[in-house]
N, C-alpha and C. Protein backbone atom coordinates (compact mmCIF):
# COMPACT_ATOMS: atom_id res chain seq x y z
N MET A 1 -14.91 -27.82 -12.88
CA MET A 1 -14.31 -28.74 -11.97
C MET A 1 -15.44 -29.40 -11.09
N ASN A 2 -15.70 -30.68 -11.41
CA ASN A 2 -16.74 -31.40 -10.68
C ASN A 2 -16.18 -32.07 -9.42
N LEU A 3 -16.57 -31.53 -8.29
CA LEU A 3 -16.10 -32.10 -6.98
C LEU A 3 -17.21 -32.89 -6.35
N PRO A 4 -16.81 -33.87 -5.59
CA PRO A 4 -17.81 -34.82 -4.99
C PRO A 4 -18.57 -34.21 -3.80
N SER A 5 -18.27 -32.99 -3.39
CA SER A 5 -18.92 -32.35 -2.28
C SER A 5 -19.17 -30.91 -2.59
N LYS A 6 -20.43 -30.47 -2.36
CA LYS A 6 -20.78 -29.07 -2.59
C LYS A 6 -20.08 -28.15 -1.57
N HIS A 7 -19.81 -28.68 -0.37
CA HIS A 7 -19.09 -27.85 0.64
C HIS A 7 -17.68 -27.66 0.24
N LEU A 8 -17.06 -28.69 -0.31
CA LEU A 8 -15.67 -28.58 -0.84
C LEU A 8 -15.63 -27.61 -2.02
N GLU A 9 -16.60 -27.74 -2.86
CA GLU A 9 -16.71 -26.86 -4.03
C GLU A 9 -16.84 -25.39 -3.65
N GLU A 10 -17.68 -25.16 -2.64
CA GLU A 10 -17.88 -23.76 -2.17
C GLU A 10 -16.59 -23.19 -1.56
N ALA A 11 -15.88 -24.02 -0.79
CA ALA A 11 -14.60 -23.58 -0.17
C ALA A 11 -13.59 -23.25 -1.26
N VAL A 12 -13.49 -24.09 -2.30
CA VAL A 12 -12.58 -23.88 -3.41
C VAL A 12 -12.98 -22.58 -4.12
N GLU A 13 -14.27 -22.39 -4.33
CA GLU A 13 -14.76 -21.15 -5.03
C GLU A 13 -14.33 -19.91 -4.28
N GLN A 14 -14.49 -19.92 -2.96
CA GLN A 14 -14.14 -18.74 -2.09
C GLN A 14 -12.63 -18.53 -2.15
N LEU A 15 -11.84 -19.53 -2.06
CA LEU A 15 -10.41 -19.35 -2.00
C LEU A 15 -9.88 -18.88 -3.36
N SER A 16 -10.43 -19.43 -4.42
CA SER A 16 -9.99 -19.02 -5.78
C SER A 16 -10.39 -17.62 -6.14
N SER A 17 -11.23 -17.02 -5.33
CA SER A 17 -11.60 -15.60 -5.60
C SER A 17 -10.51 -14.63 -5.23
N LEU A 18 -9.51 -15.15 -4.47
CA LEU A 18 -8.36 -14.31 -4.13
C LEU A 18 -7.44 -14.13 -5.36
N PRO A 19 -6.79 -12.98 -5.50
CA PRO A 19 -5.94 -12.74 -6.65
C PRO A 19 -4.75 -13.72 -6.69
N GLY A 20 -4.45 -14.24 -7.84
CA GLY A 20 -3.28 -15.14 -8.01
C GLY A 20 -3.53 -16.56 -7.63
N ILE A 21 -4.75 -16.88 -7.22
CA ILE A 21 -5.05 -18.29 -6.83
C ILE A 21 -6.08 -18.88 -7.77
N GLY A 22 -5.62 -19.85 -8.57
CA GLY A 22 -6.55 -20.53 -9.50
C GLY A 22 -7.28 -21.68 -8.77
N LYS A 23 -8.14 -22.32 -9.51
CA LYS A 23 -9.00 -23.40 -8.98
C LYS A 23 -8.11 -24.58 -8.48
N LYS A 24 -7.07 -24.94 -9.26
CA LYS A 24 -6.23 -26.09 -8.86
C LYS A 24 -5.46 -25.82 -7.56
N THR A 25 -4.90 -24.58 -7.49
CA THR A 25 -4.17 -24.22 -6.28
C THR A 25 -5.12 -24.18 -5.10
N ALA A 26 -6.32 -23.58 -5.34
CA ALA A 26 -7.33 -23.52 -4.27
C ALA A 26 -7.73 -24.89 -3.76
N LEU A 27 -7.88 -25.87 -4.67
CA LEU A 27 -8.26 -27.23 -4.30
C LEU A 27 -7.12 -27.84 -3.48
N ARG A 28 -5.91 -27.66 -3.85
CA ARG A 28 -4.76 -28.18 -3.13
C ARG A 28 -4.73 -27.67 -1.69
N LEU A 29 -4.95 -26.37 -1.54
CA LEU A 29 -4.98 -25.70 -0.22
C LEU A 29 -6.17 -26.18 0.62
N ILE A 30 -7.30 -26.27 -0.02
CA ILE A 30 -8.51 -26.73 0.71
C ILE A 30 -8.38 -28.15 1.19
N LEU A 31 -7.81 -29.00 0.40
CA LEU A 31 -7.57 -30.42 0.81
C LEU A 31 -6.61 -30.49 1.97
N ASN A 32 -5.64 -29.59 2.02
CA ASN A 32 -4.72 -29.51 3.14
C ASN A 32 -5.48 -29.11 4.40
N ILE A 33 -6.34 -28.10 4.29
CA ILE A 33 -7.12 -27.66 5.42
C ILE A 33 -8.08 -28.75 5.89
N LEU A 34 -8.65 -29.47 4.95
CA LEU A 34 -9.61 -30.57 5.26
C LEU A 34 -8.94 -31.64 6.10
N ASN A 35 -7.64 -31.83 5.97
CA ASN A 35 -6.89 -32.89 6.69
C ASN A 35 -6.38 -32.37 8.05
N ARG A 36 -6.65 -31.12 8.37
CA ARG A 36 -6.27 -30.57 9.67
C ARG A 36 -7.35 -30.85 10.72
N THR A 37 -6.97 -30.72 12.00
CA THR A 37 -7.96 -30.91 13.05
C THR A 37 -8.97 -29.79 13.06
N GLU A 38 -10.12 -30.04 13.67
CA GLU A 38 -11.17 -29.02 13.76
C GLU A 38 -10.67 -27.79 14.52
N GLU A 39 -9.84 -28.02 15.53
CA GLU A 39 -9.27 -26.94 16.32
C GLU A 39 -8.35 -26.07 15.50
N GLU A 40 -7.53 -26.70 14.62
CA GLU A 40 -6.62 -25.98 13.77
C GLU A 40 -7.40 -25.14 12.77
N VAL A 41 -8.45 -25.71 12.22
CA VAL A 41 -9.28 -25.00 11.21
C VAL A 41 -9.99 -23.83 11.87
N GLU A 42 -10.49 -24.00 13.10
CA GLU A 42 -11.15 -22.91 13.80
C GLU A 42 -10.20 -21.76 14.04
N LYS A 43 -8.98 -22.09 14.52
CA LYS A 43 -7.95 -21.08 14.75
C LYS A 43 -7.61 -20.33 13.43
N PHE A 44 -7.51 -21.12 12.34
CA PHE A 44 -7.20 -20.58 11.05
C PHE A 44 -8.23 -19.60 10.57
N SER A 45 -9.50 -20.04 10.64
CA SER A 45 -10.62 -19.15 10.17
C SER A 45 -10.83 -17.96 11.09
N TYR A 46 -10.61 -18.15 12.40
CA TYR A 46 -10.81 -17.07 13.35
C TYR A 46 -9.80 -15.92 13.11
N SER A 47 -8.58 -16.26 12.65
CA SER A 47 -7.56 -15.25 12.43
C SER A 47 -8.00 -14.31 11.34
N PHE A 48 -8.74 -14.79 10.36
CA PHE A 48 -9.20 -13.91 9.27
C PHE A 48 -10.38 -13.03 9.75
N LEU A 49 -11.29 -13.61 10.52
CA LEU A 49 -12.39 -12.86 11.05
C LEU A 49 -11.92 -11.81 12.03
N ASN A 50 -10.95 -12.19 12.86
CA ASN A 50 -10.38 -11.28 13.87
C ASN A 50 -9.69 -10.13 13.16
N MET A 51 -8.96 -10.40 12.08
CA MET A 51 -8.28 -9.39 11.30
C MET A 51 -9.30 -8.41 10.70
N LYS A 52 -10.32 -8.94 10.12
CA LYS A 52 -11.37 -8.11 9.48
C LYS A 52 -12.04 -7.21 10.43
N GLN A 53 -12.30 -7.71 11.70
CA GLN A 53 -13.00 -6.96 12.68
C GLN A 53 -12.17 -5.93 13.41
N ASN A 54 -10.87 -6.15 13.47
CA ASN A 54 -10.00 -5.29 14.32
C ASN A 54 -8.97 -4.45 13.61
N VAL A 55 -8.61 -4.82 12.39
CA VAL A 55 -7.60 -4.02 11.68
C VAL A 55 -8.30 -2.77 11.09
N GLN A 56 -7.68 -1.64 11.25
CA GLN A 56 -8.25 -0.38 10.75
C GLN A 56 -7.20 0.45 10.07
N ASN A 57 -7.62 1.57 9.49
CA ASN A 57 -6.70 2.50 8.88
C ASN A 57 -6.31 3.60 9.84
N CYS A 58 -5.02 3.94 9.89
CA CYS A 58 -4.53 5.04 10.73
C CYS A 58 -5.31 6.31 10.37
N LYS A 59 -5.74 7.04 11.35
CA LYS A 59 -6.52 8.28 11.10
C LYS A 59 -5.65 9.36 10.44
N ILE A 60 -4.36 9.27 10.56
CA ILE A 60 -3.46 10.28 9.98
C ILE A 60 -3.00 9.87 8.60
N CYS A 61 -2.37 8.73 8.50
CA CYS A 61 -1.75 8.38 7.19
C CYS A 61 -2.41 7.29 6.38
N LYS A 62 -3.45 6.66 6.94
CA LYS A 62 -4.24 5.59 6.34
C LYS A 62 -3.48 4.26 6.22
N ASN A 63 -2.39 4.14 6.95
CA ASN A 63 -1.68 2.86 7.01
C ASN A 63 -2.56 1.86 7.77
N VAL A 64 -2.27 0.56 7.59
CA VAL A 64 -2.98 -0.49 8.31
C VAL A 64 -2.44 -0.56 9.73
N THR A 65 -3.36 -0.62 10.72
CA THR A 65 -2.96 -0.62 12.13
C THR A 65 -3.99 -1.24 13.02
N ASP A 66 -3.63 -1.62 14.21
CA ASP A 66 -4.56 -2.16 15.18
C ASP A 66 -5.14 -1.04 16.06
N PHE A 67 -4.66 0.15 15.91
CA PHE A 67 -5.02 1.28 16.78
C PHE A 67 -5.45 2.46 15.91
N GLU A 68 -5.88 3.54 16.53
CA GLU A 68 -6.38 4.72 15.79
C GLU A 68 -5.21 5.35 15.03
N ILE A 69 -4.07 5.40 15.68
CA ILE A 69 -2.84 5.99 15.09
C ILE A 69 -1.81 4.89 14.96
N CYS A 70 -1.18 4.79 13.81
CA CYS A 70 -0.19 3.72 13.61
C CYS A 70 1.12 3.98 14.31
N SER A 71 1.96 2.97 14.44
CA SER A 71 3.23 3.05 15.17
C SER A 71 4.20 4.06 14.52
N ILE A 72 4.08 4.30 13.19
CA ILE A 72 4.97 5.25 12.53
C ILE A 72 4.56 6.68 12.87
N CYS A 73 3.27 6.99 12.72
CA CYS A 73 2.80 8.33 13.00
C CYS A 73 2.94 8.69 14.49
N SER A 74 2.86 7.72 15.34
CA SER A 74 2.97 8.01 16.80
C SER A 74 4.38 7.98 17.34
N ASN A 75 5.31 7.73 16.46
CA ASN A 75 6.76 7.65 16.88
C ASN A 75 7.37 9.03 16.86
N PRO A 76 7.70 9.62 18.05
CA PRO A 76 8.26 10.95 18.06
C PRO A 76 9.64 11.08 17.41
N LYS A 77 10.27 10.01 17.14
CA LYS A 77 11.60 9.99 16.53
C LYS A 77 11.56 10.13 14.96
N ARG A 78 10.34 10.01 14.44
CA ARG A 78 10.21 10.15 12.95
C ARG A 78 10.25 11.63 12.60
N ASP A 79 10.75 11.96 11.43
CA ASP A 79 10.83 13.31 10.91
C ASP A 79 9.46 13.70 10.36
N SER A 80 8.69 14.51 11.10
CA SER A 80 7.34 14.88 10.66
C SER A 80 7.34 15.96 9.56
N SER A 81 8.52 16.47 9.16
CA SER A 81 8.54 17.51 8.12
C SER A 81 8.56 16.90 6.73
N ILE A 82 8.62 15.57 6.60
CA ILE A 82 8.64 14.90 5.30
C ILE A 82 7.49 13.89 5.24
N ILE A 83 6.72 13.94 4.18
CA ILE A 83 5.66 12.95 3.97
C ILE A 83 5.96 12.23 2.62
N CYS A 84 6.01 10.92 2.69
CA CYS A 84 6.24 10.10 1.54
C CYS A 84 4.92 9.51 1.06
N ILE A 85 4.54 9.82 -0.16
CA ILE A 85 3.25 9.35 -0.65
C ILE A 85 3.43 7.99 -1.37
N ILE A 86 2.70 6.98 -0.89
CA ILE A 86 2.81 5.64 -1.47
C ILE A 86 1.45 5.07 -1.73
N GLU A 87 1.47 3.94 -2.47
CA GLU A 87 0.22 3.31 -2.92
C GLU A 87 -0.43 2.51 -1.85
N ASP A 88 0.27 1.56 -1.21
CA ASP A 88 -0.33 0.74 -0.16
C ASP A 88 0.74 0.25 0.83
N ILE A 89 0.29 -0.53 1.81
CA ILE A 89 1.15 -0.99 2.90
C ILE A 89 2.43 -1.73 2.40
N ARG A 90 2.29 -2.41 1.27
CA ARG A 90 3.48 -3.16 0.74
C ARG A 90 4.64 -2.25 0.43
N ASP A 91 4.27 -1.00 -0.02
CA ASP A 91 5.34 -0.03 -0.31
C ASP A 91 5.98 0.49 0.98
N ILE A 92 5.19 0.66 2.06
CA ILE A 92 5.80 1.01 3.34
C ILE A 92 6.78 -0.04 3.82
N LEU A 93 6.38 -1.28 3.71
CA LEU A 93 7.26 -2.39 4.11
C LEU A 93 8.52 -2.41 3.29
N ALA A 94 8.42 -2.16 2.00
CA ALA A 94 9.61 -2.11 1.13
C ALA A 94 10.52 -0.97 1.50
N ILE A 95 9.99 0.22 1.75
CA ILE A 95 10.82 1.38 2.06
C ILE A 95 11.44 1.23 3.45
N GLU A 96 10.63 0.75 4.40
CA GLU A 96 11.16 0.56 5.75
C GLU A 96 12.31 -0.43 5.79
N ALA A 97 12.25 -1.43 4.90
CA ALA A 97 13.31 -2.45 4.85
C ALA A 97 14.65 -1.86 4.41
N THR A 98 14.63 -0.73 3.71
CA THR A 98 15.86 -0.10 3.25
C THR A 98 16.64 0.64 4.40
N GLN A 99 15.88 0.96 5.46
CA GLN A 99 16.44 1.73 6.57
C GLN A 99 17.05 3.08 6.11
N SER A 100 16.53 3.62 5.04
CA SER A 100 17.08 4.86 4.46
C SER A 100 16.13 6.05 4.61
N TYR A 101 15.00 5.81 5.24
CA TYR A 101 13.99 6.86 5.34
C TYR A 101 13.42 6.95 6.78
N ASN A 102 13.31 8.15 7.29
CA ASN A 102 12.83 8.30 8.66
C ASN A 102 11.69 9.28 8.79
N GLY A 103 11.07 9.61 7.64
CA GLY A 103 9.93 10.51 7.65
C GLY A 103 8.65 9.84 7.90
N LEU A 104 7.55 10.47 7.51
CA LEU A 104 6.21 9.89 7.63
C LEU A 104 5.67 9.46 6.26
N TYR A 105 4.51 8.83 6.24
CA TYR A 105 3.92 8.32 5.03
C TYR A 105 2.51 8.80 4.87
N HIS A 106 1.99 8.73 3.62
CA HIS A 106 0.55 8.82 3.39
C HIS A 106 0.18 7.80 2.34
N VAL A 107 -0.72 6.92 2.76
CA VAL A 107 -1.16 5.77 1.89
C VAL A 107 -2.33 6.20 1.04
N LEU A 108 -2.16 6.24 -0.28
CA LEU A 108 -3.27 6.64 -1.16
C LEU A 108 -4.32 5.54 -1.27
N GLY A 109 -3.97 4.32 -1.09
CA GLY A 109 -4.91 3.20 -1.26
C GLY A 109 -5.12 2.79 -2.73
N GLY A 110 -4.13 3.17 -3.58
CA GLY A 110 -4.16 2.87 -5.00
C GLY A 110 -3.59 3.99 -5.81
N ILE A 111 -3.78 3.91 -7.11
CA ILE A 111 -3.32 5.00 -7.97
C ILE A 111 -4.43 5.26 -9.05
N ILE A 112 -4.43 6.44 -9.61
CA ILE A 112 -5.46 6.80 -10.61
C ILE A 112 -5.29 5.88 -11.82
N SER A 113 -6.39 5.23 -12.19
CA SER A 113 -6.38 4.31 -13.30
C SER A 113 -7.77 4.29 -13.95
N PRO A 114 -7.96 5.17 -14.96
CA PRO A 114 -9.27 5.26 -15.64
C PRO A 114 -9.73 3.94 -16.22
N MET A 115 -8.79 3.13 -16.68
CA MET A 115 -9.10 1.82 -17.25
C MET A 115 -9.78 0.91 -16.24
N ASP A 116 -9.41 1.11 -14.94
CA ASP A 116 -9.99 0.30 -13.88
C ASP A 116 -11.10 1.03 -13.15
N GLY A 117 -11.45 2.19 -13.64
CA GLY A 117 -12.50 2.95 -13.03
C GLY A 117 -12.11 3.60 -11.73
N ILE A 118 -10.78 3.83 -11.52
CA ILE A 118 -10.30 4.44 -10.28
C ILE A 118 -9.95 5.89 -10.53
N GLY A 119 -10.64 6.77 -9.92
CA GLY A 119 -10.38 8.19 -10.07
C GLY A 119 -9.87 8.80 -8.78
N PRO A 120 -9.52 10.08 -8.77
CA PRO A 120 -8.99 10.74 -7.55
C PRO A 120 -9.93 10.59 -6.32
N LYS A 121 -11.24 10.60 -6.54
CA LYS A 121 -12.19 10.53 -5.40
C LYS A 121 -12.17 9.13 -4.74
N ASP A 122 -11.60 8.13 -5.46
CA ASP A 122 -11.56 6.77 -4.89
C ASP A 122 -10.33 6.59 -4.02
N LEU A 123 -9.45 7.56 -3.97
CA LEU A 123 -8.16 7.48 -3.25
C LEU A 123 -8.16 8.40 -2.06
N ASN A 124 -7.22 8.24 -1.20
CA ASN A 124 -7.05 9.09 0.00
C ASN A 124 -6.34 10.36 -0.32
N ILE A 125 -6.85 11.06 -1.33
CA ILE A 125 -6.24 12.36 -1.75
C ILE A 125 -6.76 13.54 -0.95
N ASP A 126 -8.04 13.58 -0.73
CA ASP A 126 -8.61 14.69 0.06
C ASP A 126 -8.03 14.73 1.44
N SER A 127 -7.85 13.55 2.07
CA SER A 127 -7.28 13.51 3.44
C SER A 127 -5.80 13.96 3.40
N LEU A 128 -5.11 13.64 2.27
CA LEU A 128 -3.71 14.05 2.12
C LEU A 128 -3.60 15.57 2.00
N LEU A 129 -4.45 16.18 1.21
CA LEU A 129 -4.44 17.62 1.01
C LEU A 129 -4.84 18.35 2.30
N SER A 130 -5.78 17.79 3.03
CA SER A 130 -6.13 18.36 4.34
C SER A 130 -4.98 18.26 5.33
N ARG A 131 -4.29 17.14 5.30
CA ARG A 131 -3.15 16.92 6.18
C ARG A 131 -2.03 17.89 5.88
N ILE A 132 -1.75 18.07 4.57
CA ILE A 132 -0.65 19.00 4.15
C ILE A 132 -1.01 20.43 4.61
N ASP A 133 -2.29 20.78 4.45
CA ASP A 133 -2.70 22.15 4.84
C ASP A 133 -2.58 22.33 6.32
N LYS A 134 -2.82 21.32 7.11
CA LYS A 134 -2.83 21.39 8.56
C LYS A 134 -1.40 21.35 9.14
N THR A 135 -0.52 20.48 8.57
CA THR A 135 0.78 20.27 9.17
C THR A 135 1.93 21.03 8.50
N GLN A 136 1.66 21.51 7.27
CA GLN A 136 2.66 22.27 6.55
C GLN A 136 4.04 21.59 6.51
N PRO A 137 4.17 20.42 5.92
CA PRO A 137 5.47 19.73 5.81
C PRO A 137 6.45 20.50 4.92
N GLU A 138 7.72 20.25 5.09
CA GLU A 138 8.68 20.91 4.26
C GLU A 138 8.91 20.18 2.94
N GLU A 139 8.69 18.88 2.92
CA GLU A 139 8.92 18.13 1.71
C GLU A 139 7.86 17.03 1.51
N ILE A 140 7.43 16.86 0.27
CA ILE A 140 6.54 15.75 -0.12
C ILE A 140 7.35 14.90 -1.15
N ILE A 141 7.41 13.56 -0.86
CA ILE A 141 8.07 12.69 -1.78
C ILE A 141 7.02 11.82 -2.50
N PHE A 142 7.05 11.86 -3.83
CA PHE A 142 6.20 11.02 -4.64
C PHE A 142 6.95 9.65 -4.77
N ALA A 143 6.47 8.61 -4.13
CA ALA A 143 7.08 7.27 -4.19
C ALA A 143 6.08 6.23 -4.75
N LEU A 144 5.42 6.64 -5.84
CA LEU A 144 4.50 5.71 -6.51
C LEU A 144 5.23 4.87 -7.56
N SER A 145 4.60 3.81 -7.98
CA SER A 145 5.22 2.94 -8.98
C SER A 145 5.52 3.70 -10.24
N ALA A 146 6.64 3.32 -10.89
CA ALA A 146 7.08 4.00 -12.12
C ALA A 146 6.35 3.46 -13.33
N THR A 147 5.00 3.63 -13.28
CA THR A 147 4.13 3.15 -14.37
C THR A 147 3.35 4.40 -14.88
N MET A 148 2.59 4.19 -15.99
CA MET A 148 1.83 5.29 -16.55
C MET A 148 0.80 5.79 -15.51
N GLU A 149 0.14 4.84 -14.77
CA GLU A 149 -0.80 5.23 -13.80
C GLU A 149 -0.18 5.93 -12.61
N GLY A 150 1.06 5.46 -12.21
CA GLY A 150 1.78 6.14 -11.16
C GLY A 150 2.14 7.53 -11.50
N ASP A 151 2.64 7.71 -12.75
CA ASP A 151 2.99 9.03 -13.23
C ASP A 151 1.77 9.95 -13.36
N THR A 152 0.61 9.43 -13.79
CA THR A 152 -0.60 10.20 -13.87
C THR A 152 -1.00 10.70 -12.47
N THR A 153 -0.90 9.82 -11.48
CA THR A 153 -1.20 10.21 -10.13
C THR A 153 -0.29 11.23 -9.58
N ASN A 154 1.03 11.05 -9.87
CA ASN A 154 2.04 12.09 -9.48
C ASN A 154 1.68 13.44 -10.05
N PHE A 155 1.38 13.45 -11.30
CA PHE A 155 1.07 14.73 -12.00
C PHE A 155 -0.15 15.37 -11.41
N TYR A 156 -1.17 14.57 -11.13
CA TYR A 156 -2.42 15.11 -10.52
C TYR A 156 -2.14 15.74 -9.15
N LEU A 157 -1.35 15.00 -8.34
CA LEU A 157 -0.99 15.54 -7.00
C LEU A 157 -0.12 16.81 -7.11
N PHE A 158 0.77 16.79 -8.07
CA PHE A 158 1.66 17.93 -8.29
C PHE A 158 0.84 19.20 -8.55
N LYS A 159 -0.17 19.06 -9.41
CA LYS A 159 -1.05 20.19 -9.72
C LYS A 159 -1.80 20.72 -8.51
N LYS A 160 -2.11 19.83 -7.56
CA LYS A 160 -2.85 20.18 -6.35
C LYS A 160 -1.93 20.83 -5.29
N ILE A 161 -0.63 20.41 -5.29
CA ILE A 161 0.27 20.81 -4.22
C ILE A 161 1.23 21.93 -4.63
N ASN A 162 1.46 22.06 -5.96
CA ASN A 162 2.51 22.92 -6.49
C ASN A 162 2.44 24.34 -6.01
N GLN A 163 1.24 24.88 -5.84
CA GLN A 163 1.07 26.27 -5.48
C GLN A 163 1.51 26.54 -4.03
N LEU A 164 1.67 25.47 -3.23
CA LEU A 164 2.09 25.64 -1.86
C LEU A 164 3.61 25.73 -1.78
N ASP A 165 4.10 26.31 -0.74
CA ASP A 165 5.55 26.50 -0.56
C ASP A 165 6.15 25.24 0.07
N ILE A 166 6.12 24.15 -0.73
CA ILE A 166 6.61 22.85 -0.27
C ILE A 166 7.53 22.23 -1.30
N LYS A 167 8.64 21.69 -0.89
CA LYS A 167 9.53 21.01 -1.79
C LYS A 167 8.89 19.69 -2.23
N ILE A 168 8.80 19.44 -3.52
CA ILE A 168 8.21 18.23 -4.01
C ILE A 168 9.31 17.42 -4.76
N THR A 169 9.52 16.22 -4.30
CA THR A 169 10.56 15.34 -4.89
C THR A 169 9.96 13.99 -5.34
N THR A 170 10.74 13.30 -6.12
CA THR A 170 10.33 11.96 -6.57
C THR A 170 11.53 11.05 -6.47
N LEU A 171 11.31 9.77 -6.47
CA LEU A 171 12.42 8.82 -6.42
C LEU A 171 13.28 8.92 -7.63
N SER A 172 14.57 8.76 -7.50
CA SER A 172 15.42 8.76 -8.71
C SER A 172 15.06 7.56 -9.50
N ARG A 173 15.38 7.54 -10.77
CA ARG A 173 14.93 6.44 -11.62
C ARG A 173 15.80 5.21 -11.56
N GLY A 174 16.40 4.99 -10.39
CA GLY A 174 17.04 3.67 -10.14
C GLY A 174 16.00 2.59 -10.09
N VAL A 175 14.75 3.03 -9.81
CA VAL A 175 13.63 2.09 -9.89
C VAL A 175 13.18 2.12 -11.34
N SER A 176 13.20 0.93 -11.99
CA SER A 176 12.97 0.80 -13.40
C SER A 176 11.58 1.32 -13.83
N ILE A 177 11.50 1.89 -15.05
CA ILE A 177 10.24 2.30 -15.58
C ILE A 177 9.33 1.06 -15.73
N GLY A 178 8.09 1.25 -15.29
CA GLY A 178 7.14 0.14 -15.39
C GLY A 178 7.17 -0.79 -14.22
N ALA A 179 8.12 -0.51 -13.28
CA ALA A 179 8.24 -1.48 -12.11
C ALA A 179 7.42 -0.97 -10.94
N GLU A 180 6.86 -1.93 -10.21
CA GLU A 180 6.11 -1.63 -9.00
C GLU A 180 7.08 -1.53 -7.85
N LEU A 181 6.89 -0.54 -7.00
CA LEU A 181 7.81 -0.25 -5.92
C LEU A 181 8.11 -1.44 -5.03
N GLN A 182 7.08 -2.18 -4.72
CA GLN A 182 7.25 -3.31 -3.75
C GLN A 182 8.19 -4.40 -4.25
N TYR A 183 8.46 -4.43 -5.58
CA TYR A 183 9.29 -5.46 -6.14
C TYR A 183 10.78 -5.02 -6.33
N ALA A 184 11.01 -3.75 -6.04
CA ALA A 184 12.41 -3.23 -6.18
C ALA A 184 13.28 -3.79 -5.06
N ASP A 185 14.55 -4.09 -5.36
CA ASP A 185 15.41 -4.62 -4.29
C ASP A 185 15.73 -3.50 -3.34
N GLU A 186 16.08 -3.85 -2.10
CA GLU A 186 16.29 -2.85 -1.02
C GLU A 186 17.39 -1.86 -1.35
N LEU A 187 18.49 -2.33 -1.96
CA LEU A 187 19.65 -1.43 -2.25
C LEU A 187 19.18 -0.40 -3.26
N THR A 188 18.53 -0.81 -4.40
CA THR A 188 18.05 0.12 -5.40
C THR A 188 17.08 1.12 -4.85
N LEU A 189 16.11 0.58 -4.08
CA LEU A 189 15.08 1.46 -3.49
C LEU A 189 15.67 2.46 -2.51
N GLY A 190 16.61 1.99 -1.68
CA GLY A 190 17.26 2.86 -0.72
C GLY A 190 18.01 4.02 -1.44
N ARG A 191 18.76 3.65 -2.49
CA ARG A 191 19.49 4.68 -3.21
C ARG A 191 18.55 5.64 -3.89
N SER A 192 17.41 5.12 -4.42
CA SER A 192 16.43 6.00 -5.09
C SER A 192 15.82 7.01 -4.10
N LEU A 193 15.71 6.61 -2.85
CA LEU A 193 15.20 7.51 -1.80
C LEU A 193 16.24 8.61 -1.50
N LEU A 194 17.45 8.13 -1.29
CA LEU A 194 18.51 9.07 -0.86
C LEU A 194 18.88 10.03 -2.03
N GLN A 195 18.70 9.59 -3.27
CA GLN A 195 19.04 10.43 -4.41
C GLN A 195 17.80 11.01 -5.12
N ARG A 196 16.74 11.18 -4.30
CA ARG A 196 15.48 11.68 -4.89
C ARG A 196 15.69 13.02 -5.58
N GLN A 197 14.86 13.28 -6.57
CA GLN A 197 15.03 14.49 -7.40
C GLN A 197 13.78 15.38 -7.26
N LEU A 198 13.96 16.67 -7.61
CA LEU A 198 12.81 17.57 -7.61
C LEU A 198 11.80 17.12 -8.66
N PHE A 199 10.55 17.18 -8.34
CA PHE A 199 9.50 16.81 -9.30
C PHE A 199 8.97 18.08 -9.93
N ASN A 200 9.05 18.16 -11.29
CA ASN A 200 8.64 19.37 -11.97
C ASN A 200 7.36 19.20 -12.82
N GLY A 201 6.63 18.13 -12.56
CA GLY A 201 5.45 17.85 -13.35
C GLY A 201 5.81 17.30 -14.63
């Protein structure tokens, strides 16, 4: 793509580095930004820098937050005896939208995927095991995507947790095989939570 400005080309290159955004889409968005006032562009760019500098991970569950402890972990009305293990913040948003769950979460930050070079050490698994040992929850829910990688991660965690006296459950298969949790509709996801089953490895 030959553009008449190296600055325009660099901006398009940066934007197209985001997942799901090709060069043509990036160019359309950049041209829109170019037509905005300098004040609007400053506000736009500052929001990203501000986010990067101030957003952090909750010290307890690794959720995204503006504070050391997220609003879910610090809420005394949440059921601290249940921890739901999920992949990332999008899964928390999906589950919270069902209004069917009132426990806590633990964000792994991904799932085990040897093809992508992601192993257990790349995820928030050590902090999860430490948290379980410290808080002794009554139930752990595996709420990872119903994919081969999700099942591999579930099995790995099961082997680590199984020897403890904790109930281990998983979502009922109302969530389709191969489906990512964040794309499940609220009704299906809600029912999958309420009808969760014992996980037996």
